[in-house]
Amino acid sequence: MRNLILLVVFLCISLTAQAQEKKNKNLKYTTEVNGNCDQCKKRIEKAAYTVPGVKSADWNIETHQLYVILNEQKSTSLDLKKAIAKQGHDTDEVKATAQQYDDLHSCCKYERKE
């Protein structure tokens, strides 16, 4: 009888532990973001971190690539691109408005693609 009780307790603990297992929905994501300088880098990365679920963000000045780890359960890549475009930087899918682009510092103005 004692063995049966121990077996039931062990099974309950095992099932509870499995039910609480976190599912990792983090996505390593890369996208192109236009910009020119260290000031752009700070602005782009800061905008990325305002998006819920962004774990890390690193924009490369030379390649214009933004490397992000994003929790897909909290936000999408489109949410990320919209946040960056609001700061005046075009992405491959979302473009900043003319006013947002014009508000950038003169050294941050990049050649816009139509």
N, C-alpha and C. Protein backbone atom coordinates (compact mmCIF):
# COMPACT_ATOMS: atom_id res chain seq x y z
N MET A 1 0.82 -1.18 0.00
CA MET A 1 0.00 0.00 0.00
C MET A 1 0.88 1.27 0.00
N ARG A 2 1.94 1.20 0.78
CA ARG A 2 2.85 2.35 0.86
C ARG A 2 3.48 2.62 -0.50
N ASN A 3 3.85 1.57 -1.23
CA ASN A 3 4.45 1.73 -2.56
C ASN A 3 3.46 2.36 -3.53
N LEU A 4 2.19 1.99 -3.42
CA LEU A 4 1.15 2.55 -4.29
C LEU A 4 0.98 4.04 -4.04
N ILE A 5 1.00 4.45 -2.79
CA ILE A 5 0.87 5.87 -2.44
C ILE A 5 2.08 6.64 -2.97
N LEU A 6 3.26 6.10 -2.80
CA LEU A 6 4.47 6.76 -3.30
C LEU A 6 4.43 6.90 -4.81
N LEU A 7 3.93 5.88 -5.50
CA LEU A 7 3.83 5.92 -6.95
C LEU A 7 2.85 7.01 -7.40
N VAL A 8 1.72 7.12 -6.74
CA VAL A 8 0.72 8.15 -7.08
C VAL A 8 1.29 9.54 -6.84
N VAL A 9 1.97 9.75 -5.72
CA VAL A 9 2.58 11.05 -5.42
C VAL A 9 3.64 11.39 -6.46
N PHE A 10 4.47 10.43 -6.80
CA PHE A 10 5.50 10.65 -7.81
C PHE A 10 4.89 11.02 -9.16
N LEU A 11 3.83 10.34 -9.56
CA LEU A 11 3.17 10.64 -10.83
C LEU A 11 2.57 12.05 -10.82
N CYS A 12 1.96 12.43 -9.71
CA CYS A 12 1.38 13.77 -9.61
C CYS A 12 2.45 14.84 -9.74
N ILE A 13 3.57 14.64 -9.09
CA ILE A 13 4.66 15.61 -9.15
C ILE A 13 5.22 15.68 -10.57
N SER A 14 5.37 14.55 -11.22
CA SER A 14 5.90 14.52 -12.58
C SER A 14 4.97 15.25 -13.56
N LEU A 15 3.69 14.99 -13.46
CA LEU A 15 2.73 15.63 -14.35
C LEU A 15 2.66 17.14 -14.11
N THR A 16 2.75 17.56 -12.87
CA THR A 16 2.73 18.98 -12.55
C THR A 16 3.95 19.68 -13.12
N ALA A 17 5.10 19.05 -13.02
CA ALA A 17 6.33 19.64 -13.54
C ALA A 17 6.26 19.78 -15.06
N GLN A 18 5.69 18.82 -15.74
CA GLN A 18 5.56 18.90 -17.20
C GLN A 18 4.57 19.98 -17.60
N ALA A 19 3.50 20.16 -16.86
CA ALA A 19 2.50 21.16 -17.18
C ALA A 19 3.05 22.57 -17.03
N GLN A 20 4.02 22.76 -16.17
CA GLN A 20 4.58 24.07 -15.93
C GLN A 20 5.78 24.38 -16.83
N GLU A 21 6.15 23.47 -17.67
CA GLU A 21 7.29 23.67 -18.54
C GLU A 21 7.01 24.83 -19.49
N LYS A 22 7.93 25.80 -19.55
CA LYS A 22 7.76 26.96 -20.41
C LYS A 22 8.09 26.58 -21.84
N LYS A 23 7.28 27.10 -22.74
CA LYS A 23 7.57 26.91 -24.15
C LYS A 23 8.35 28.12 -24.63
N ASN A 24 9.50 27.87 -25.21
CA ASN A 24 10.36 28.94 -25.67
C ASN A 24 9.90 29.40 -27.04
N LYS A 25 9.34 30.60 -27.11
CA LYS A 25 8.85 31.15 -28.36
C LYS A 25 9.73 32.30 -28.83
N ASN A 26 10.99 32.30 -28.42
CA ASN A 26 11.92 33.35 -28.84
C ASN A 26 12.40 33.07 -30.25
N LEU A 27 12.38 34.11 -31.06
CA LEU A 27 12.76 34.02 -32.46
C LEU A 27 13.98 34.89 -32.70
N LYS A 28 15.01 34.33 -33.29
CA LYS A 28 16.15 35.14 -33.72
C LYS A 28 15.78 35.71 -35.08
N TYR A 29 15.83 37.04 -35.16
CA TYR A 29 15.28 37.72 -36.31
C TYR A 29 16.26 38.77 -36.80
N THR A 30 16.37 38.92 -38.12
CA THR A 30 17.23 39.92 -38.73
C THR A 30 16.43 40.69 -39.77
N THR A 31 16.58 42.00 -39.76
CA THR A 31 15.89 42.83 -40.75
C THR A 31 16.76 44.02 -41.10
N GLU A 32 16.55 44.59 -42.27
CA GLU A 32 17.29 45.76 -42.70
C GLU A 32 16.62 47.02 -42.18
N VAL A 33 17.43 47.92 -41.61
CA VAL A 33 16.95 49.21 -41.13
C VAL A 33 17.92 50.27 -41.62
N ASN A 34 17.39 51.30 -42.27
CA ASN A 34 18.25 52.36 -42.81
C ASN A 34 18.66 53.36 -41.73
N GLY A 35 19.92 53.78 -41.80
CA GLY A 35 20.50 54.74 -40.87
C GLY A 35 21.95 54.95 -41.22
N ASN A 36 22.63 55.83 -40.47
CA ASN A 36 24.01 56.18 -40.83
C ASN A 36 25.05 56.10 -39.72
N CYS A 37 24.66 56.41 -38.49
CA CYS A 37 25.69 56.70 -37.49
C CYS A 37 25.37 56.09 -36.12
N ASP A 38 26.23 56.40 -35.15
CA ASP A 38 26.03 55.90 -33.78
C ASP A 38 24.74 56.44 -33.17
N GLN A 39 24.39 57.66 -33.52
CA GLN A 39 23.14 58.23 -33.02
C GLN A 39 21.94 57.42 -33.55
N CYS A 40 22.02 57.02 -34.81
CA CYS A 40 20.97 56.16 -35.40
C CYS A 40 20.92 54.82 -34.67
N LYS A 41 22.10 54.26 -34.41
CA LYS A 41 22.18 52.98 -33.71
C LYS A 41 21.45 53.03 -32.38
N LYS A 42 21.72 54.09 -31.61
CA LYS A 42 21.07 54.23 -30.30
C LYS A 42 19.56 54.36 -30.45
N ARG A 43 19.13 55.18 -31.42
CA ARG A 43 17.71 55.41 -31.63
C ARG A 43 16.99 54.12 -32.08
N ILE A 44 17.59 53.39 -32.99
CA ILE A 44 16.99 52.16 -33.52
C ILE A 44 16.88 51.11 -32.42
N GLU A 45 17.97 50.91 -31.69
CA GLU A 45 17.96 49.90 -30.62
C GLU A 45 16.99 50.28 -29.50
N LYS A 46 16.93 51.57 -29.17
CA LYS A 46 16.00 52.03 -28.14
C LYS A 46 14.55 51.78 -28.59
N ALA A 47 14.26 52.06 -29.85
CA ALA A 47 12.91 51.81 -30.38
C ALA A 47 12.58 50.32 -30.33
N ALA A 48 13.56 49.49 -30.64
CA ALA A 48 13.33 48.03 -30.60
C ALA A 48 12.98 47.57 -29.19
N TYR A 49 13.68 48.10 -28.21
CA TYR A 49 13.44 47.69 -26.82
C TYR A 49 12.09 48.17 -26.27
N THR A 50 11.44 49.11 -26.95
CA THR A 50 10.10 49.54 -26.50
C THR A 50 9.03 48.52 -26.88
N VAL A 51 9.36 47.61 -27.77
CA VAL A 51 8.40 46.60 -28.22
C VAL A 51 8.39 45.46 -27.20
N PRO A 52 7.21 45.11 -26.69
CA PRO A 52 7.14 44.01 -25.71
C PRO A 52 7.69 42.71 -26.31
N GLY A 53 8.48 42.01 -25.53
CA GLY A 53 9.02 40.73 -25.96
C GLY A 53 10.39 40.78 -26.59
N VAL A 54 10.93 41.98 -26.82
CA VAL A 54 12.28 42.08 -27.39
C VAL A 54 13.28 41.80 -26.28
N LYS A 55 14.07 40.75 -26.47
CA LYS A 55 15.07 40.34 -25.48
C LYS A 55 16.42 41.00 -25.73
N SER A 56 16.78 41.15 -27.01
CA SER A 56 18.02 41.83 -27.35
C SER A 56 17.86 42.46 -28.73
N ALA A 57 18.62 43.55 -28.94
CA ALA A 57 18.60 44.25 -30.22
C ALA A 57 19.98 44.83 -30.47
N ASP A 58 20.51 44.60 -31.67
CA ASP A 58 21.82 45.12 -32.04
C ASP A 58 21.79 45.50 -33.51
N TRP A 59 21.97 46.80 -33.81
CA TRP A 59 21.98 47.28 -35.19
C TRP A 59 23.40 47.50 -35.64
N ASN A 60 23.76 46.95 -36.80
CA ASN A 60 25.11 47.07 -37.35
C ASN A 60 25.15 48.24 -38.32
N ILE A 61 26.00 49.22 -38.06
CA ILE A 61 26.08 50.44 -38.87
C ILE A 61 26.49 50.13 -40.32
N GLU A 62 27.46 49.25 -40.50
CA GLU A 62 27.98 48.97 -41.84
C GLU A 62 26.98 48.19 -42.71
N THR A 63 26.34 47.19 -42.14
CA THR A 63 25.45 46.33 -42.93
C THR A 63 23.99 46.76 -42.89
N HIS A 64 23.65 47.66 -41.97
CA HIS A 64 22.26 48.13 -41.76
C HIS A 64 21.33 47.00 -41.34
N GLN A 65 21.89 45.97 -40.75
CA GLN A 65 21.08 44.83 -40.28
C GLN A 65 20.82 44.97 -38.79
N LEU A 66 19.56 44.75 -38.42
CA LEU A 66 19.17 44.74 -37.02
C LEU A 66 18.97 43.30 -36.61
N TYR A 67 19.71 42.87 -35.60
CA TYR A 67 19.63 41.51 -35.07
C TYR A 67 18.83 41.57 -33.77
N VAL A 68 17.74 40.80 -33.71
CA VAL A 68 16.82 40.88 -32.59
C VAL A 68 16.47 39.47 -32.12
N ILE A 69 16.29 39.32 -30.81
CA ILE A 69 15.66 38.13 -30.25
C ILE A 69 14.31 38.61 -29.73
N LEU A 70 13.25 38.02 -30.30
CA LEU A 70 11.89 38.49 -30.07
C LEU A 70 11.01 37.34 -29.61
N ASN A 71 10.26 37.55 -28.54
CA ASN A 71 9.29 36.57 -28.05
C ASN A 71 8.04 36.70 -28.90
N GLU A 72 7.76 35.71 -29.72
CA GLU A 72 6.63 35.75 -30.65
C GLU A 72 5.27 35.77 -29.95
N GLN A 73 5.22 35.39 -28.69
CA GLN A 73 3.96 35.39 -27.97
C GLN A 73 3.57 36.80 -27.52
N LYS A 74 4.51 37.72 -27.52
CA LYS A 74 4.24 39.07 -27.04
C LYS A 74 4.12 40.09 -28.16
N SER A 75 4.87 39.92 -29.25
CA SER A 75 4.86 40.87 -30.37
C SER A 75 5.26 40.17 -31.66
N THR A 76 5.03 40.87 -32.76
CA THR A 76 5.41 40.34 -34.06
C THR A 76 6.55 41.18 -34.64
N SER A 77 7.13 40.69 -35.70
CA SER A 77 8.19 41.44 -36.37
C SER A 77 7.62 42.73 -36.97
N LEU A 78 6.35 42.72 -37.36
CA LEU A 78 5.72 43.92 -37.89
C LEU A 78 5.60 45.00 -36.81
N ASP A 79 5.29 44.59 -35.58
CA ASP A 79 5.25 45.54 -34.46
C ASP A 79 6.61 46.21 -34.28
N LEU A 80 7.66 45.42 -34.40
CA LEU A 80 9.02 45.92 -34.28
C LEU A 80 9.32 46.95 -35.37
N LYS A 81 8.97 46.62 -36.60
CA LYS A 81 9.25 47.52 -37.73
C LYS A 81 8.45 48.82 -37.62
N LYS A 82 7.23 48.75 -37.13
CA LYS A 82 6.42 49.96 -36.94
C LYS A 82 7.05 50.87 -35.89
N ALA A 83 7.54 50.30 -34.81
CA ALA A 83 8.17 51.09 -33.75
C ALA A 83 9.43 51.79 -34.26
N ILE A 84 10.19 51.11 -35.09
CA ILE A 84 11.42 51.70 -35.64
C ILE A 84 11.08 52.79 -36.65
N ALA A 85 10.08 52.54 -37.49
CA ALA A 85 9.68 53.54 -38.48
C ALA A 85 9.15 54.81 -37.82
N LYS A 86 8.52 54.68 -36.67
CA LYS A 86 8.03 55.86 -35.93
C LYS A 86 9.17 56.79 -35.55
N GLN A 87 10.37 56.24 -35.42
CA GLN A 87 11.54 57.04 -35.05
C GLN A 87 12.23 57.64 -36.27
N GLY A 88 11.70 57.38 -37.48
CA GLY A 88 12.25 57.98 -38.69
C GLY A 88 13.11 57.09 -39.54
N HIS A 89 13.21 55.82 -39.19
CA HIS A 89 14.07 54.89 -39.93
C HIS A 89 13.24 53.88 -40.71
N ASP A 90 13.49 53.84 -42.03
CA ASP A 90 12.78 52.90 -42.90
C ASP A 90 13.26 51.48 -42.67
N THR A 91 12.33 50.53 -42.76
CA THR A 91 12.66 49.11 -42.74
C THR A 91 12.24 48.53 -44.09
N ASP A 92 12.47 47.25 -44.28
CA ASP A 92 12.11 46.65 -45.57
C ASP A 92 10.60 46.62 -45.81
N GLU A 93 9.79 46.62 -44.75
CA GLU A 93 8.32 46.56 -44.91
C GLU A 93 7.61 47.85 -44.54
N VAL A 94 8.12 48.56 -43.55
CA VAL A 94 7.43 49.75 -43.04
C VAL A 94 8.34 50.97 -43.23
N LYS A 95 7.79 51.99 -43.89
CA LYS A 95 8.54 53.22 -44.13
C LYS A 95 8.11 54.30 -43.15
N ALA A 96 9.04 55.11 -42.73
CA ALA A 96 8.74 56.26 -41.88
C ALA A 96 7.99 57.29 -42.72
N THR A 97 7.16 58.08 -42.08
CA THR A 97 6.49 59.16 -42.80
C THR A 97 7.52 60.23 -43.15
N ALA A 98 7.15 61.11 -44.07
CA ALA A 98 8.05 62.19 -44.45
C ALA A 98 8.38 63.07 -43.24
N GLN A 99 7.39 63.33 -42.40
CA GLN A 99 7.62 64.16 -41.21
C GLN A 99 8.58 63.48 -40.23
N GLN A 100 8.40 62.17 -40.02
CA GLN A 100 9.29 61.44 -39.10
C GLN A 100 10.72 61.45 -39.63
N TYR A 101 10.87 61.27 -40.95
CA TYR A 101 12.21 61.30 -41.56
C TYR A 101 12.81 62.70 -41.43
N ASP A 102 12.01 63.73 -41.70
CA ASP A 102 12.51 65.11 -41.64
C ASP A 102 12.94 65.51 -40.23
N ASP A 103 12.37 64.88 -39.21
CA ASP A 103 12.71 65.19 -37.82
C ASP A 103 14.06 64.62 -37.39
N LEU A 104 14.66 63.77 -38.23
CA LEU A 104 15.98 63.21 -37.90
C LEU A 104 17.04 64.30 -37.97
N HIS A 105 18.09 64.13 -37.19
CA HIS A 105 19.25 65.02 -37.23
C HIS A 105 19.86 64.92 -38.62
N SER A 106 20.52 65.97 -39.07
CA SER A 106 21.07 66.01 -40.44
C SER A 106 22.05 64.88 -40.72
N CYS A 107 22.84 64.47 -39.72
CA CYS A 107 23.80 63.39 -39.96
C CYS A 107 23.11 62.03 -40.07
N CYS A 108 21.87 61.95 -39.63
CA CYS A 108 21.14 60.68 -39.63
C CYS A 108 20.32 60.46 -40.89
N LYS A 109 20.24 61.46 -41.75
CA LYS A 109 19.41 61.34 -42.96
C LYS A 109 20.13 60.47 -43.98
N TYR A 110 19.51 59.40 -44.32
CA TYR A 110 20.04 58.41 -45.26
C TYR A 110 19.32 58.57 -46.59
N GLU A 111 19.84 57.93 -47.61
CA GLU A 111 19.20 57.97 -48.92
C GLU A 111 17.99 57.03 -48.90
N ARG A 112 16.81 57.61 -49.09
CA ARG A 112 15.57 56.82 -49.02
C ARG A 112 15.33 56.11 -50.34
N LYS A 113 14.85 54.89 -50.25
CA LYS A 113 14.48 54.10 -51.42
C LYS A 113 12.97 54.24 -51.63
N GLU A 114 12.58 54.40 -52.83
CA GLU A 114 11.14 54.54 -53.12
C GLU A 114 10.45 53.21 -53.12
